[in-house]
Amino acid sequence: MDLATLTFKVPKEMEIFVTENKCRSELARNALILLPYIQDMTISHGRAAELLGISKETLIDLYGDMGIPYIDGSVQSVNEEIAVYSVAKAKE
């Protein structure tokens, strides 16, 4: 994976958190940078994982560890998706 160096401004007190070079925290930071693009459906979880050089399952687990759910919706919307899946499955 090719890497780019970016420069951006943060409050001075945040510097230690942004420049920390622990692999896990760097991965989490980069995943959080991509999160808004996943949420607005600009990219998928799979594409974000690809950009990060990890599997989709690893990305989903990483977000889960941060308390960010993979399925973000109401119980009603999940039930509607299950109903649509059930109808499609019955047609097979």
PDB file of N, CA and C in Angstrom:
ATOM      1  N   MET A   1       0.846  -1.167   0.000  1.00  0.00           N
ATOM      2  CA  MET A   1       0.000   0.000   0.000  1.00  0.00           C
ATOM      3  C   MET A   1       0.895   1.234   0.000  1.00  0.00           C
ATOM      4  N   ASP A   2       0.650   2.123  -0.951  1.00  0.00           N
ATOM      5  CA  ASP A   2       1.364   3.392  -0.985  1.00  0.00           C
ATOM      6  C   ASP A   2       0.800   4.320   0.081  1.00  0.00           C
ATOM      7  N   LEU A   3       1.668   5.064   0.733  1.00  0.00           N
ATOM      8  CA  LEU A   3       1.236   5.992   1.774  1.00  0.00           C
ATOM      9  C   LEU A   3       1.516   7.419   1.341  1.00  0.00           C
ATOM     10  N   ALA A   4       0.673   8.317   1.776  1.00  0.00           N
ATOM     11  CA  ALA A   4       0.864   9.745   1.526  1.00  0.00           C
ATOM     12  C   ALA A   4       1.026  10.437   2.872  1.00  0.00           C
ATOM     13  N   THR A   5       1.756  11.514   2.883  1.00  0.00           N
ATOM     14  CA  THR A   5       1.907  12.322   4.089  1.00  0.00           C
ATOM     15  C   THR A   5       1.037  13.554   3.937  1.00  0.00           C
ATOM     16  N   LEU A   6       0.165  13.774   4.913  1.00  0.00           N
ATOM     17  CA  LEU A   6      -0.741  14.914   4.899  1.00  0.00           C
ATOM     18  C   LEU A   6      -0.420  15.825   6.068  1.00  0.00           C
ATOM     19  N   THR A   7      -0.659  17.088   5.878  1.00  0.00           N
ATOM     20  CA  THR A   7      -0.491  18.059   6.948  1.00  0.00           C
ATOM     21  C   THR A   7      -1.848  18.675   7.233  1.00  0.00           C
ATOM     22  N   PHE A   8      -2.241  18.668   8.503  1.00  0.00           N
ATOM     23  CA  PHE A   8      -3.497  19.302   8.880  1.00  0.00           C
ATOM     24  C   PHE A   8      -3.356  19.900  10.265  1.00  0.00           C
ATOM     25  N   LYS A   9      -4.214  20.853  10.550  1.00  0.00           N
ATOM     26  CA  LYS A   9      -4.140  21.576  11.821  1.00  0.00           C
ATOM     27  C   LYS A   9      -5.086  20.958  12.841  1.00  0.00           C
ATOM     28  N   VAL A  10      -4.556  20.816  14.056  1.00  0.00           N
ATOM     29  CA  VAL A  10      -5.355  20.374  15.196  1.00  0.00           C
ATOM     30  C   VAL A  10      -4.959  21.250  16.384  1.00  0.00           C
ATOM     31  N   PRO A  11      -5.812  21.337  17.401  1.00  0.00           N
ATOM     32  CA  PRO A  11      -5.410  22.069  18.594  1.00  0.00           C
ATOM     33  C   PRO A  11      -4.132  21.456  19.181  1.00  0.00           C
ATOM     34  N   LYS A  12      -3.261  22.280  19.696  1.00  0.00           N
ATOM     35  CA  LYS A  12      -1.962  21.849  20.217  1.00  0.00           C
ATOM     36  C   LYS A  12      -2.106  20.691  21.204  1.00  0.00           C
ATOM     37  N   GLU A  13      -3.139  20.741  22.045  1.00  0.00           N
ATOM     38  CA  GLU A  13      -3.346  19.694  23.049  1.00  0.00           C
ATOM     39  C   GLU A  13      -3.646  18.338  22.421  1.00  0.00           C
ATOM     40  N   MET A  14      -4.074  18.322  21.164  1.00  0.00           N
ATOM     41  CA  MET A  14      -4.387  17.061  20.475  1.00  0.00           C
ATOM     42  C   MET A  14      -3.164  16.441  19.800  1.00  0.00           C
ATOM     43  N   GLU A  15      -2.105  17.179  19.690  1.00  0.00           N
ATOM     44  CA  GLU A  15      -0.945  16.735  18.910  1.00  0.00           C
ATOM     45  C   GLU A  15      -0.457  15.342  19.308  1.00  0.00           C
ATOM     46  N   ILE A  16      -0.354  15.069  20.581  1.00  0.00           N
ATOM     47  CA  ILE A  16       0.147  13.773  21.031  1.00  0.00           C
ATOM     48  C   ILE A  16      -0.750  12.618  20.567  1.00  0.00           C
ATOM     49  N   PHE A  17      -2.045  12.877  20.485  1.00  0.00           N
ATOM     50  CA  PHE A  17      -2.966  11.821  20.071  1.00  0.00           C
ATOM     51  C   PHE A  17      -2.914  11.572  18.569  1.00  0.00           C
ATOM     52  N   VAL A  18      -2.642  12.601  17.801  1.00  0.00           N
ATOM     53  CA  VAL A  18      -2.613  12.488  16.346  1.00  0.00           C
ATOM     54  C   VAL A  18      -1.282  11.941  15.850  1.00  0.00           C
ATOM     55  N   THR A  19      -0.207  12.256  16.538  1.00  0.00           N
ATOM     56  CA  THR A  19       1.111  11.838  16.081  1.00  0.00           C
ATOM     57  C   THR A  19       1.549  10.510  16.684  1.00  0.00           C
ATOM     58  N   GLU A  20       0.769   9.971  17.584  1.00  0.00           N
ATOM     59  CA  GLU A  20       1.082   8.681  18.184  1.00  0.00           C
ATOM     60  C   GLU A  20       1.244   7.647  17.074  1.00  0.00           C
ATOM     61  N   ASN A  21       2.262   6.822  17.149  1.00  0.00           N
ATOM     62  CA  ASN A  21       2.549   5.909  16.056  1.00  0.00           C
ATOM     63  C   ASN A  21       2.280   4.444  16.383  1.00  0.00           C
ATOM     64  N   LYS A  22       1.413   4.164  17.313  1.00  0.00           N
ATOM     65  CA  LYS A  22       1.059   2.778  17.593  1.00  0.00           C
ATOM     66  C   LYS A  22       0.191   2.289  16.445  1.00  0.00           C
ATOM     67  N   CYS A  23       0.481   1.121  15.955  1.00  0.00           N
ATOM     68  CA  CYS A  23      -0.197   0.597  14.765  1.00  0.00           C
ATOM     69  C   CYS A  23      -1.713   0.572  14.953  1.00  0.00           C
ATOM     70  N   ARG A  24      -2.195   0.065  16.070  1.00  0.00           N
ATOM     71  CA  ARG A  24      -3.636  -0.051  16.311  1.00  0.00           C
ATOM     72  C   ARG A  24      -4.306   1.324  16.349  1.00  0.00           C
ATOM     73  N   SER A  25      -3.683   2.298  17.038  1.00  0.00           N
ATOM     74  CA  SER A  25      -4.308   3.614  17.131  1.00  0.00           C
ATOM     75  C   SER A  25      -4.234   4.345  15.783  1.00  0.00           C
ATOM     76  N   GLU A  26      -3.200   4.092  15.012  1.00  0.00           N
ATOM     77  CA  GLU A  26      -3.107   4.692  13.679  1.00  0.00           C
ATOM     78  C   GLU A  26      -4.197   4.122  12.777  1.00  0.00           C
ATOM     79  N   LEU A  27      -4.421   2.828  12.865  1.00  0.00           N
ATOM     80  CA  LEU A  27      -5.480   2.187  12.091  1.00  0.00           C
ATOM     81  C   LEU A  27      -6.848   2.730  12.511  1.00  0.00           C
ATOM     82  N   ALA A  28      -7.068   2.860  13.816  1.00  0.00           N
ATOM     83  CA  ALA A  28      -8.338   3.384  14.318  1.00  0.00           C
ATOM     84  C   ALA A  28      -8.553   4.820  13.845  1.00  0.00           C
ATOM     85  N   ARG A  29      -7.496   5.633  13.900  1.00  0.00           N
ATOM     86  CA  ARG A  29      -7.607   7.016  13.437  1.00  0.00           C
ATOM     87  C   ARG A  29      -7.988   7.062  11.963  1.00  0.00           C
ATOM     88  N   ASN A  30      -7.321   6.263  11.149  1.00  0.00           N
ATOM     89  CA  ASN A  30      -7.614   6.264   9.719  1.00  0.00           C
ATOM     90  C   ASN A  30      -9.014   5.729   9.429  1.00  0.00           C
ATOM     91  N   ALA A  31      -9.443   4.734  10.203  1.00  0.00           N
ATOM     92  CA  ALA A  31     -10.794   4.209  10.045  1.00  0.00           C
ATOM     93  C   ALA A  31     -11.827   5.286  10.390  1.00  0.00           C
ATOM     94  N   LEU A  32     -11.546   6.069  11.421  1.00  0.00           N
ATOM     95  CA  LEU A  32     -12.467   7.142  11.804  1.00  0.00           C
ATOM     96  C   LEU A  32     -12.508   8.256  10.752  1.00  0.00           C
ATOM     97  N   ILE A  33     -11.399   8.469  10.070  1.00  0.00           N
ATOM     98  CA  ILE A  33     -11.395   9.457   8.993  1.00  0.00           C
ATOM     99  C   ILE A  33     -12.331   9.007   7.870  1.00  0.00           C
ATOM    100  N   LEU A  34     -12.396   7.701   7.629  1.00  0.00           N
ATOM    101  CA  LEU A  34     -13.251   7.173   6.560  1.00  0.00           C
ATOM    102  C   LEU A  34     -14.715   7.024   6.968  1.00  0.00           C
ATOM    103  N   LEU A  35     -14.990   6.985   8.256  1.00  0.00           N
ATOM    104  CA  LEU A  35     -16.351   6.720   8.734  1.00  0.00           C
ATOM    105  C   LEU A  35     -17.420   7.639   8.142  1.00  0.00           C
ATOM    106  N   PRO A  36     -17.232   8.950   8.073  1.00  0.00           N
ATOM    107  CA  PRO A  36     -18.292   9.781   7.488  1.00  0.00           C
ATOM    108  C   PRO A  36     -18.612   9.424   6.033  1.00  0.00           C
ATOM    109  N   TYR A  37     -17.607   8.950   5.313  1.00  0.00           N
ATOM    110  CA  TYR A  37     -17.821   8.574   3.911  1.00  0.00           C
ATOM    111  C   TYR A  37     -18.587   7.262   3.793  1.00  0.00           C
ATOM    112  N   ILE A  38     -18.435   6.399   4.792  1.00  0.00           N
ATOM    113  CA  ILE A  38     -19.236   5.179   4.848  1.00  0.00           C
ATOM    114  C   ILE A  38     -20.672   5.554   5.206  1.00  0.00           C
ATOM    115  N   GLN A  39     -20.816   6.417   6.196  1.00  0.00           N
ATOM    116  CA  GLN A  39     -22.151   6.789   6.665  1.00  0.00           C
ATOM    117  C   GLN A  39     -22.962   7.517   5.609  1.00  0.00           C
ATOM    118  N   ASP A  40     -22.307   8.331   4.773  1.00  0.00           N
ATOM    119  CA  ASP A  40     -23.077   9.017   3.729  1.00  0.00           C
ATOM    120  C   ASP A  40     -23.101   8.219   2.420  1.00  0.00           C
ATOM    121  N   MET A  41     -22.604   6.979   2.498  1.00  0.00           N
ATOM    122  CA  MET A  41     -22.629   6.022   1.394  1.00  0.00           C
ATOM    123  C   MET A  41     -21.779   6.438   0.195  1.00  0.00           C
ATOM    124  N   THR A  42     -20.761   7.259   0.438  1.00  0.00           N
ATOM    125  CA  THR A  42     -19.802   7.582  -0.613  1.00  0.00           C
ATOM    126  C   THR A  42     -18.949   6.355  -0.919  1.00  0.00           C
ATOM    127  N   ILE A  43     -18.575   5.618   0.139  1.00  0.00           N
ATOM    128  CA  ILE A  43     -17.838   4.368  -0.024  1.00  0.00           C
ATOM    129  C   ILE A  43     -18.488   3.308   0.859  1.00  0.00           C
ATOM    130  N   SER A  44     -18.214   2.062   0.559  1.00  0.00           N
ATOM    131  CA  SER A  44     -18.736   0.951   1.355  1.00  0.00           C
ATOM    132  C   SER A  44     -17.734   0.559   2.431  1.00  0.00           C
ATOM    133  N   HIS A  45     -18.178  -0.267   3.367  1.00  0.00           N
ATOM    134  CA  HIS A  45     -17.256  -0.805   4.365  1.00  0.00           C
ATOM    135  C   HIS A  45     -16.141  -1.583   3.666  1.00  0.00           C
ATOM    136  N   GLY A  46     -16.503  -2.317   2.623  1.00  0.00           N
ATOM    137  CA  GLY A  46     -15.503  -3.103   1.896  1.00  0.00           C
ATOM    138  C   GLY A  46     -14.437  -2.225   1.266  1.00  0.00           C
ATOM    139  N   ARG A  47     -14.857  -1.120   0.647  1.00  0.00           N
ATOM    140  CA  ARG A  47     -13.896  -0.214   0.023  1.00  0.00           C
ATOM    141  C   ARG A  47     -13.024   0.464   1.073  1.00  0.00           C
ATOM    142  N   ALA A  48     -13.633   0.855   2.199  1.00  0.00           N
ATOM    143  CA  ALA A  48     -12.858   1.469   3.280  1.00  0.00           C
ATOM    144  C   ALA A  48     -11.811   0.482   3.802  1.00  0.00           C
ATOM    145  N   ALA A  49     -12.213  -0.770   3.983  1.00  0.00           N
ATOM    146  CA  ALA A  49     -11.276  -1.794   4.448  1.00  0.00           C
ATOM    147  C   ALA A  49     -10.132  -1.959   3.449  1.00  0.00           C
ATOM    148  N   GLU A  50     -10.483  -1.961   2.176  1.00  0.00           N
ATOM    149  CA  GLU A  50      -9.472  -2.069   1.125  1.00  0.00           C
ATOM    150  C   GLU A  50      -8.475  -0.908   1.204  1.00  0.00           C
ATOM    151  N   LEU A  51      -8.981   0.298   1.394  1.00  0.00           N
ATOM    152  CA  LEU A  51      -8.110   1.460   1.516  1.00  0.00           C
ATOM    153  C   LEU A  51      -7.189   1.358   2.730  1.00  0.00           C
ATOM    154  N   LEU A  52      -7.691   0.730   3.791  1.00  0.00           N
ATOM    155  CA  LEU A  52      -6.915   0.590   5.021  1.00  0.00           C
ATOM    156  C   LEU A  52      -5.981  -0.616   4.993  1.00  0.00           C
ATOM    157  N   GLY A  53      -6.158  -1.482   3.981  1.00  0.00           N
ATOM    158  CA  GLY A  53      -5.311  -2.662   3.877  1.00  0.00           C
ATOM    159  C   GLY A  53      -5.688  -3.769   4.845  1.00  0.00           C
ATOM    160  N   ILE A  54      -6.983  -3.828   5.211  1.00  0.00           N
ATOM    161  CA  ILE A  54      -7.471  -4.859   6.128  1.00  0.00           C
ATOM    162  C   ILE A  54      -8.721  -5.490   5.527  1.00  0.00           C
ATOM    163  N   SER A  55      -9.199  -6.559   6.136  1.00  0.00           N
ATOM    164  CA  SER A  55     -10.429  -7.189   5.659  1.00  0.00           C
ATOM    165  C   SER A  55     -11.646  -6.403   6.146  1.00  0.00           C
ATOM    166  N   LYS A  56     -12.746  -6.588   5.463  1.00  0.00           N
ATOM    167  CA  LYS A  56     -13.994  -5.932   5.861  1.00  0.00           C
ATOM    168  C   LYS A  56     -14.385  -6.368   7.274  1.00  0.00           C
ATOM    169  N   GLU A  57     -14.217  -7.647   7.572  1.00  0.00           N
ATOM    170  CA  GLU A  57     -14.560  -8.160   8.899  1.00  0.00           C
ATOM    171  C   GLU A  57     -13.718  -7.489   9.987  1.00  0.00           C
ATOM    172  N   THR A  58     -12.432  -7.268   9.700  1.00  0.00           N
ATOM    173  CA  THR A  58     -11.560  -6.596  10.663  1.00  0.00           C
ATOM    174  C   THR A  58     -12.022  -5.160  10.890  1.00  0.00           C
ATOM    175  N   LEU A  59     -12.414  -4.485   9.807  1.00  0.00           N
ATOM    176  CA  LEU A  59     -12.904  -3.110   9.936  1.00  0.00           C
ATOM    177  C   LEU A  59     -14.193  -3.068  10.755  1.00  0.00           C
ATOM    178  N   ILE A  60     -15.108  -3.982  10.484  1.00  0.00           N
ATOM    179  CA  ILE A  60     -16.365  -4.036  11.230  1.00  0.00           C
ATOM    180  C   ILE A  60     -16.082  -4.289  12.710  1.00  0.00           C
ATOM    181  N   ASP A  61     -15.145  -5.198  12.996  1.00  0.00           N
ATOM    182  CA  ASP A  61     -14.759  -5.468  14.389  1.00  0.00           C
ATOM    183  C   ASP A  61     -14.128  -4.237  15.038  1.00  0.00           C
ATOM    184  N   LEU A  62     -13.287  -3.536  14.283  1.00  0.00           N
ATOM    185  CA  LEU A  62     -12.641  -2.324  14.802  1.00  0.00           C
ATOM    186  C   LEU A  62     -13.686  -1.280  15.173  1.00  0.00           C
ATOM    187  N   TYR A  63     -14.635  -1.043  14.267  1.00  0.00           N
ATOM    188  CA  TYR A  63     -15.709  -0.104  14.573  1.00  0.00           C
ATOM    189  C   TYR A  63     -16.534  -0.601  15.764  1.00  0.00           C
ATOM    190  N   GLY A  64     -16.803  -1.893  15.802  1.00  0.00           N
ATOM    191  CA  GLY A  64     -17.558  -2.457  16.925  1.00  0.00           C
ATOM    192  C   GLY A  64     -16.858  -2.226  18.255  1.00  0.00           C
ATOM    193  N   ASP A  65     -15.526  -2.392  18.255  1.00  0.00           N
ATOM    194  CA  ASP A  65     -14.743  -2.137  19.474  1.00  0.00           C
ATOM    195  C   ASP A  65     -14.861  -0.680  19.919  1.00  0.00           C
ATOM    196  N   MET A  66     -15.119   0.205  18.951  1.00  0.00           N
ATOM    197  CA  MET A  66     -15.285   1.633  19.253  1.00  0.00           C
ATOM    198  C   MET A  66     -16.739   1.981  19.566  1.00  0.00           C
ATOM    199  N   GLY A  67     -17.621   0.976  19.520  1.00  0.00           N
ATOM    200  CA  GLY A  67     -19.031   1.222  19.810  1.00  0.00           C
ATOM    201  C   GLY A  67     -19.815   1.723  18.611  1.00  0.00           C
ATOM    202  N   ILE A  68     -19.272   1.557  17.420  1.00  0.00           N
ATOM    203  CA  ILE A  68     -19.940   1.999  16.192  1.00  0.00           C
ATOM    204  C   ILE A  68     -20.536   0.761  15.529  1.00  0.00           C
ATOM    205  N   PRO A  69     -21.867   0.658  15.468  1.00  0.00           N
ATOM    206  CA  PRO A  69     -22.488  -0.549  14.939  1.00  0.00           C
ATOM    207  C   PRO A  69     -22.348  -0.661  13.418  1.00  0.00           C
ATOM    208  N   TYR A  70     -22.261  -1.902  12.941  1.00  0.00           N
ATOM    209  CA  TYR A  70     -22.218  -2.156  11.499  1.00  0.00           C
ATOM    210  C   TYR A  70     -23.581  -1.863  10.884  1.00  0.00           C
ATOM    211  N   ILE A  71     -24.621  -2.380  11.518  1.00  0.00           N
ATOM    212  CA  ILE A  71     -25.983  -2.093  11.065  1.00  0.00           C
ATOM    213  C   ILE A  71     -26.477  -0.918  11.883  1.00  0.00           C
ATOM    214  N   ASP A  72     -26.660   0.195  11.217  1.00  0.00           N
ATOM    215  CA  ASP A  72     -27.072   1.412  11.905  1.00  0.00           C
ATOM    216  C   ASP A  72     -28.473   1.760  11.451  1.00  0.00           C
ATOM    217  N   GLY A  73     -29.428   1.301  12.187  1.00  0.00           N
ATOM    218  CA  GLY A  73     -30.803   1.578  11.818  1.00  0.00           C
ATOM    219  C   GLY A  73     -31.737   1.203  12.944  1.00  0.00           C
ATOM    220  N   SER A  74     -32.952   1.568  12.769  1.00  0.00           N
ATOM    221  CA  SER A  74     -33.945   1.248  13.789  1.00  0.00           C
ATOM    222  C   SER A  74     -34.333  -0.224  13.672  1.00  0.00           C
ATOM    223  N   VAL A  75     -34.967  -0.731  14.692  1.00  0.00           N
ATOM    224  CA  VAL A  75     -35.450  -2.099  14.671  1.00  0.00           C
ATOM    225  C   VAL A  75     -36.437  -2.265  13.516  1.00  0.00           C
ATOM    226  N   GLN A  76     -37.247  -1.246  13.280  1.00  0.00           N
ATOM    227  CA  GLN A  76     -38.216  -1.306  12.193  1.00  0.00           C
ATOM    228  C   GLN A  76     -37.515  -1.448  10.833  1.00  0.00           C
ATOM    229  N   SER A  77     -36.458  -0.671  10.596  1.00  0.00           N
ATOM    230  CA  SER A  77     -35.776  -0.765   9.303  1.00  0.00           C
ATOM    231  C   SER A  77     -35.082  -2.116   9.141  1.00  0.00           C
ATOM    232  N   VAL A  78     -34.549  -2.667  10.218  1.00  0.00           N
ATOM    233  CA  VAL A  78     -33.939  -3.994  10.155  1.00  0.00           C
ATOM    234  C   VAL A  78     -35.009  -5.040   9.850  1.00  0.00           C
ATOM    235  N   ASN A  79     -36.171  -4.932  10.502  1.00  0.00           N
ATOM    236  CA  ASN A  79     -37.265  -5.875  10.237  1.00  0.00           C
ATOM    237  C   ASN A  79     -37.745  -5.775   8.795  1.00  0.00           C
ATOM    238  N   GLU A  80     -37.784  -4.556   8.251  1.00  0.00           N
ATOM    239  CA  GLU A  80     -38.174  -4.381   6.855  1.00  0.00           C
ATOM    240  C   GLU A  80     -37.171  -5.051   5.920  1.00  0.00           C
ATOM    241  N   GLU A  81     -35.883  -4.921   6.220  1.00  0.00           N
ATOM    242  CA  GLU A  81     -34.855  -5.564   5.396  1.00  0.00           C
ATOM    243  C   GLU A  81     -34.965  -7.084   5.475  1.00  0.00           C
ATOM    244  N   ILE A  82     -35.260  -7.604   6.651  1.00  0.00           N
ATOM    245  CA  ILE A  82     -35.438  -9.049   6.810  1.00  0.00           C
ATOM    246  C   ILE A  82     -36.635  -9.517   5.999  1.00  0.00           C
ATOM    247  N   ALA A  83     -37.723  -8.742   5.999  1.00  0.00           N
ATOM    248  CA  ALA A  83     -38.912  -9.110   5.236  1.00  0.00           C
ATOM    249  C   ALA A  83     -38.616  -9.136   3.737  1.00  0.00           C
ATOM    250  N   VAL A  84     -37.876  -8.133   3.257  1.00  0.00           N
ATOM    251  CA  VAL A  84     -37.505  -8.089   1.838  1.00  0.00           C
ATOM    252  C   VAL A  84     -36.635  -9.291   1.492  1.00  0.00           C
ATOM    253  N   TYR A  85     -35.678  -9.619   2.357  1.00  0.00           N
ATOM    254  CA  TYR A  85     -34.813 -10.780   2.136  1.00  0.00           C
ATOM    255  C   TYR A  85     -35.642 -12.057   2.107  1.00  0.00           C
ATOM    256  N   SER A  86     -36.579 -12.195   3.026  1.00  0.00           N
ATOM    257  CA  SER A  86     -37.411 -13.395   3.094  1.00  0.00           C
ATOM    258  C   SER A  86     -38.224 -13.581   1.815  1.00  0.00           C
ATOM    259  N   VAL A  87     -38.793 -12.507   1.288  1.00  0.00           N
ATOM    260  CA  VAL A  87     -39.566 -12.573   0.047  1.00  0.00           C
ATOM    261  C   VAL A  87     -38.662 -12.989  -1.117  1.00  0.00           C
ATOM    262  N   ALA A  88     -37.487 -12.374  -1.190  1.00  0.00           N
ATOM    263  CA  ALA A  88     -36.546 -12.709  -2.266  1.00  0.00           C
ATOM    264  C   ALA A  88     -36.084 -14.153  -2.156  1.00  0.00           C
ATOM    265  N   LYS A  89     -35.828 -14.627  -0.960  1.00  0.00           N
ATOM    266  CA  LYS A  89     -35.372 -15.997  -0.738  1.00  0.00           C
ATOM    267  C   LYS A  89     -36.465 -16.979  -1.119  1.00  0.00           C
ATOM    268  N   ALA A  90     -37.723 -16.638  -0.836  1.00  0.00           N
ATOM    269  CA  ALA A  90     -38.851 -17.537  -1.145  1.00  0.00           C
ATOM    270  C   ALA A  90     -39.044 -17.684  -2.657  1.00  0.00           C
ATOM    271  N   LYS A  91     -38.641 -16.685  -3.437  1.00  0.00           N
ATOM    272  CA  LYS A  91     -38.790 -16.725  -4.882  1.00  0.00           C
ATOM    273  C   LYS A  91     -37.736 -17.613  -5.554  1.00  0.00           C
ATOM    274  N   GLU A  92     -36.700 -17.971  -4.837  1.00  0.00           N
ATOM    275  CA  GLU A  92     -35.628 -18.794  -5.424  1.00  0.00           C
ATOM    276  C   GLU A  92     -36.072 -20.157  -5.704  1.00  0.00           C
TER     277      GLU A  92
END
